[in-house]
């Protein structure tokens, strides 16, 4: 039984490392999202982020329809973009990536709220 700790240590040391996602891979994919309004209403939506010709692009899907994201930008673990909407005007979204989840906020000229998401 004395060999068990040494064998366990060797198994951990020899196990292949799981690479952390880096670059655009941190944010690309499909995300199930939920925004919360100031009055506590939850609004589900989907964020699709792709890499196209070395740059980020994407869209959102919600009950209001599909809309492209504008000026997507990834700085470290912070991803931001905006959309011009008929209801709220320009809405800016800023999120902090936490692996396969994120937390952040959204704001327009009139109101603001929080947003959470999980990669599908």
C-alpha atoms as a PDB file:
ATOM      1  CA  UNK A   1       0.000   0.000   0.000  1.00  0.00           C
ATOM      2  CA  UNK A   2       3.026   2.307   0.311  1.00  0.00           C
ATOM      3  CA  UNK A   3       3.209   2.580  -3.454  1.00  0.00           C
ATOM      4  CA  UNK A   4      -0.333   3.999  -3.822  1.00  0.00           C
ATOM      5  CA  UNK A   5       0.572   7.680  -3.168  1.00  0.00           C
ATOM      6  CA  UNK A   6       3.537   7.453  -5.555  1.00  0.00           C
ATOM      7  CA  UNK A   7       1.421   5.755  -8.233  1.00  0.00           C
ATOM      8  CA  UNK A   8      -1.297   8.389  -7.843  1.00  0.00           C
ATOM      9  CA  UNK A   9       1.267  11.193  -8.123  1.00  0.00           C
ATOM     10  CA  UNK A  10       2.732   9.617 -11.272  1.00  0.00           C
ATOM     11  CA  UNK A  11      -0.738   9.253 -12.807  1.00  0.00           C
ATOM     12  CA  UNK A  12      -1.423  12.937 -12.226  1.00  0.00           C
ATOM     13  CA  UNK A  13       1.985  14.034 -13.544  1.00  0.00           C
ATOM     14  CA  UNK A  14       1.770  11.812 -16.620  1.00  0.00           C
ATOM     15  CA  UNK A  15      -1.852  12.650 -17.480  1.00  0.00           C
ATOM     16  CA  UNK A  16      -2.220  14.772 -20.609  1.00  0.00           C
ATOM     17  CA  UNK A  17      -2.881  18.391 -19.871  1.00  0.00           C
ATOM     18  CA  UNK A  18      -6.178  19.837 -21.000  1.00  0.00           C
ATOM     19  CA  UNK A  19      -5.277  23.025 -22.829  1.00  0.00           C
ATOM     20  CA  UNK A  20      -7.028  26.176 -21.692  1.00  0.00           C
ATOM     21  CA  UNK A  21      -8.885  27.982 -24.424  1.00  0.00           C
ATOM     22  CA  UNK A  22      -6.958  30.967 -25.639  1.00  0.00           C
ATOM     23  CA  UNK A  23      -7.484  33.740 -28.126  1.00  0.00           C
ATOM     24  CA  UNK A  24     -10.823  33.891 -29.896  1.00  0.00           C
ATOM     25  CA  UNK A  25     -11.560  30.295 -28.843  1.00  0.00           C
ATOM     26  CA  UNK A  26     -12.428  31.653 -25.389  1.00  0.00           C
ATOM     27  CA  UNK A  27     -15.586  33.241 -26.762  1.00  0.00           C
ATOM     28  CA  UNK A  28     -16.456  31.535 -30.062  1.00  0.00           C
ATOM     29  CA  UNK A  29     -19.434  29.211 -30.030  1.00  0.00           C
ATOM     30  CA  UNK A  30     -23.085  29.313 -29.093  1.00  0.00           C
ATOM     31  CA  UNK A  31     -24.102  30.649 -25.704  1.00  0.00           C
ATOM     32  CA  UNK A  32     -27.470  30.343 -23.937  1.00  0.00           C
ATOM     33  CA  UNK A  33     -27.970  33.704 -22.248  1.00  0.00           C
ATOM     34  CA  UNK A  34     -30.322  35.333 -19.807  1.00  0.00           C
ATOM     35  CA  UNK A  35     -30.586  39.078 -19.270  1.00  0.00           C
ATOM     36  CA  UNK A  36     -32.285  40.541 -16.241  1.00  0.00           C
ATOM     37  CA  UNK A  37     -34.043  43.888 -16.506  1.00  0.00           C
ATOM     38  CA  UNK A  38     -34.123  46.492 -13.712  1.00  0.00           C
ATOM     39  CA  UNK A  39     -37.621  45.312 -12.747  1.00  0.00           C
ATOM     40  CA  UNK A  40     -36.393  41.712 -12.379  1.00  0.00           C
ATOM     41  CA  UNK A  41     -37.748  40.299 -15.636  1.00  0.00           C
ATOM     42  CA  UNK A  42     -35.603  37.531 -17.172  1.00  0.00           C
ATOM     43  CA  UNK A  43     -35.136  37.623 -20.941  1.00  0.00           C
ATOM     44  CA  UNK A  44     -33.652  34.488 -22.566  1.00  0.00           C
ATOM     45  CA  UNK A  45     -31.599  34.841 -25.745  1.00  0.00           C
ATOM     46  CA  UNK A  46     -28.791  33.159 -27.656  1.00  0.00           C
ATOM     47  CA  UNK A  47     -25.377  34.575 -28.577  1.00  0.00           C
ATOM     48  CA  UNK A  48     -23.487  33.074 -31.527  1.00  0.00           C
ATOM     49  CA  UNK A  49     -19.855  34.162 -31.882  1.00  0.00           C
ATOM     50  CA  UNK A  50     -17.668  33.090 -34.797  1.00  0.00           C
ATOM     51  CA  UNK A  51     -14.209  33.904 -36.075  1.00  0.00           C
ATOM     52  CA  UNK A  52     -14.283  35.106 -39.674  1.00  0.00           C
ATOM     53  CA  UNK A  53     -11.056  35.967 -41.479  1.00  0.00           C
ATOM     54  CA  UNK A  54      -9.261  36.359 -38.150  1.00  0.00           C
ATOM     55  CA  UNK A  55     -11.872  38.693 -36.690  1.00  0.00           C
ATOM     56  CA  UNK A  56     -14.789  38.102 -34.354  1.00  0.00           C
ATOM     57  CA  UNK A  57     -18.350  38.340 -35.679  1.00  0.00           C
ATOM     58  CA  UNK A  58     -21.709  37.004 -34.635  1.00  0.00           C
ATOM     59  CA  UNK A  59     -25.352  37.524 -33.892  1.00  0.00           C
ATOM     60  CA  UNK A  60     -27.999  37.198 -31.236  1.00  0.00           C
ATOM     61  CA  UNK A  61     -31.298  35.343 -31.411  1.00  0.00           C
ATOM     62  CA  UNK A  62     -34.245  36.270 -29.215  1.00  0.00           C
ATOM     63  CA  UNK A  63     -38.038  36.406 -29.379  1.00  0.00           C
ATOM     64  CA  UNK A  64     -37.525  39.781 -31.128  1.00  0.00           C
ATOM     65  CA  UNK A  65     -35.572  38.084 -33.941  1.00  0.00           C
ATOM     66  CA  UNK A  66     -31.977  37.671 -35.086  1.00  0.00           C
ATOM     67  CA  UNK A  67     -29.648  40.649 -35.057  1.00  0.00           C
ATOM     68  CA  UNK A  68     -25.904  40.981 -35.846  1.00  0.00           C
ATOM     69  CA  UNK A  69     -23.501  42.062 -33.122  1.00  0.00           C
ATOM     70  CA  UNK A  70     -21.386  45.145 -33.816  1.00  0.00           C
ATOM     71  CA  UNK A  71     -17.778  45.852 -32.857  1.00  0.00           C
ATOM     72  CA  UNK A  72     -17.131  42.542 -31.042  1.00  0.00           C
ATOM     73  CA  UNK A  73     -13.955  42.854 -29.003  1.00  0.00           C
ATOM     74  CA  UNK A  74     -12.094  40.413 -26.759  1.00  0.00           C
ATOM     75  CA  UNK A  75      -9.540  41.806 -24.291  1.00  0.00           C
ATOM     76  CA  UNK A  76      -8.224  39.080 -22.031  1.00  0.00           C
ATOM     77  CA  UNK A  77     -11.345  37.513 -20.507  1.00  0.00           C
ATOM     78  CA  UNK A  78     -13.610  40.492 -21.237  1.00  0.00           C
ATOM     79  CA  UNK A  79     -15.829  40.373 -24.336  1.00  0.00           C
ATOM     80  CA  UNK A  80     -17.944  43.303 -25.455  1.00  0.00           C
ATOM     81  CA  UNK A  81     -20.184  44.263 -28.345  1.00  0.00           C
ATOM     82  CA  UNK A  82     -23.167  46.452 -29.102  1.00  0.00           C
ATOM     83  CA  UNK A  83     -26.404  46.263 -31.054  1.00  0.00           C
ATOM     84  CA  UNK A  84     -28.727  48.945 -32.317  1.00  0.00           C
ATOM     85  CA  UNK A  85     -32.274  47.916 -31.415  1.00  0.00           C
ATOM     86  CA  UNK A  86     -35.648  49.492 -32.193  1.00  0.00           C
ATOM     87  CA  UNK A  87     -36.796  49.218 -28.557  1.00  0.00           C
ATOM     88  CA  UNK A  88     -33.763  50.442 -26.588  1.00  0.00           C
ATOM     89  CA  UNK A  89     -31.541  52.113 -29.185  1.00  0.00           C
ATOM     90  CA  UNK A  90     -27.888  51.143 -28.806  1.00  0.00           C
ATOM     91  CA  UNK A  91     -27.406  48.347 -26.270  1.00  0.00           C
ATOM     92  CA  UNK A  92     -23.862  47.622 -25.102  1.00  0.00           C
ATOM     93  CA  UNK A  93     -23.016  44.218 -23.611  1.00  0.00           C
ATOM     94  CA  UNK A  94     -19.849  43.588 -21.584  1.00  0.00           C
ATOM     95  CA  UNK A  95     -19.164  40.150 -20.159  1.00  0.00           C
ATOM     96  CA  UNK A  96     -16.379  38.427 -18.251  1.00  0.00           C
ATOM     97  CA  UNK A  97     -15.669  34.910 -19.486  1.00  0.00           C
ATOM     98  CA  UNK A  98     -15.386  32.244 -16.779  1.00  0.00           C
ATOM     99  CA  UNK A  99     -14.555  29.170 -18.871  1.00  0.00           C
ATOM    100  CA  UNK A 100     -17.838  27.889 -20.274  1.00  0.00           C
ATOM    101  CA  UNK A 101     -19.926  30.488 -18.436  1.00  0.00           C
ATOM    102  CA  UNK A 102     -19.949  34.260 -18.256  1.00  0.00           C
ATOM    103  CA  UNK A 103     -21.347  37.096 -16.187  1.00  0.00           C
ATOM    104  CA  UNK A 104     -21.713  40.703 -17.124  1.00  0.00           C
ATOM    105  CA  UNK A 105     -23.954  43.637 -17.816  1.00  0.00           C
ATOM    106  CA  UNK A 106     -25.888  45.356 -20.563  1.00  0.00           C
ATOM    107  CA  UNK A 107     -26.868  48.979 -20.851  1.00  0.00           C
ATOM    108  CA  UNK A 108     -28.687  51.410 -23.081  1.00  0.00           C
ATOM    109  CA  UNK A 109     -29.258  55.136 -22.735  1.00  0.00           C
ATOM    110  CA  UNK A 110     -32.423  54.459 -20.710  1.00  0.00           C
ATOM    111  CA  UNK A 111     -31.845  51.304 -18.649  1.00  0.00           C
ATOM    112  CA  UNK A 112     -29.298  48.676 -17.679  1.00  0.00           C
ATOM    113  CA  UNK A 113     -29.218  45.179 -16.270  1.00  0.00           C
ATOM    114  CA  UNK A 114     -27.207  42.014 -15.803  1.00  0.00           C
ATOM    115  CA  UNK A 115     -26.507  39.106 -18.124  1.00  0.00           C
ATOM    116  CA  UNK A 116     -25.325  35.531 -17.580  1.00  0.00           C
ATOM    117  CA  UNK A 117     -24.568  32.828 -20.086  1.00  0.00           C
ATOM    118  CA  UNK A 118     -23.442  29.265 -20.582  1.00  0.00           C
ATOM    119  CA  UNK A 119     -21.743  27.768 -23.620  1.00  0.00           C
ATOM    120  CA  UNK A 120     -23.828  25.096 -25.366  1.00  0.00           C
END
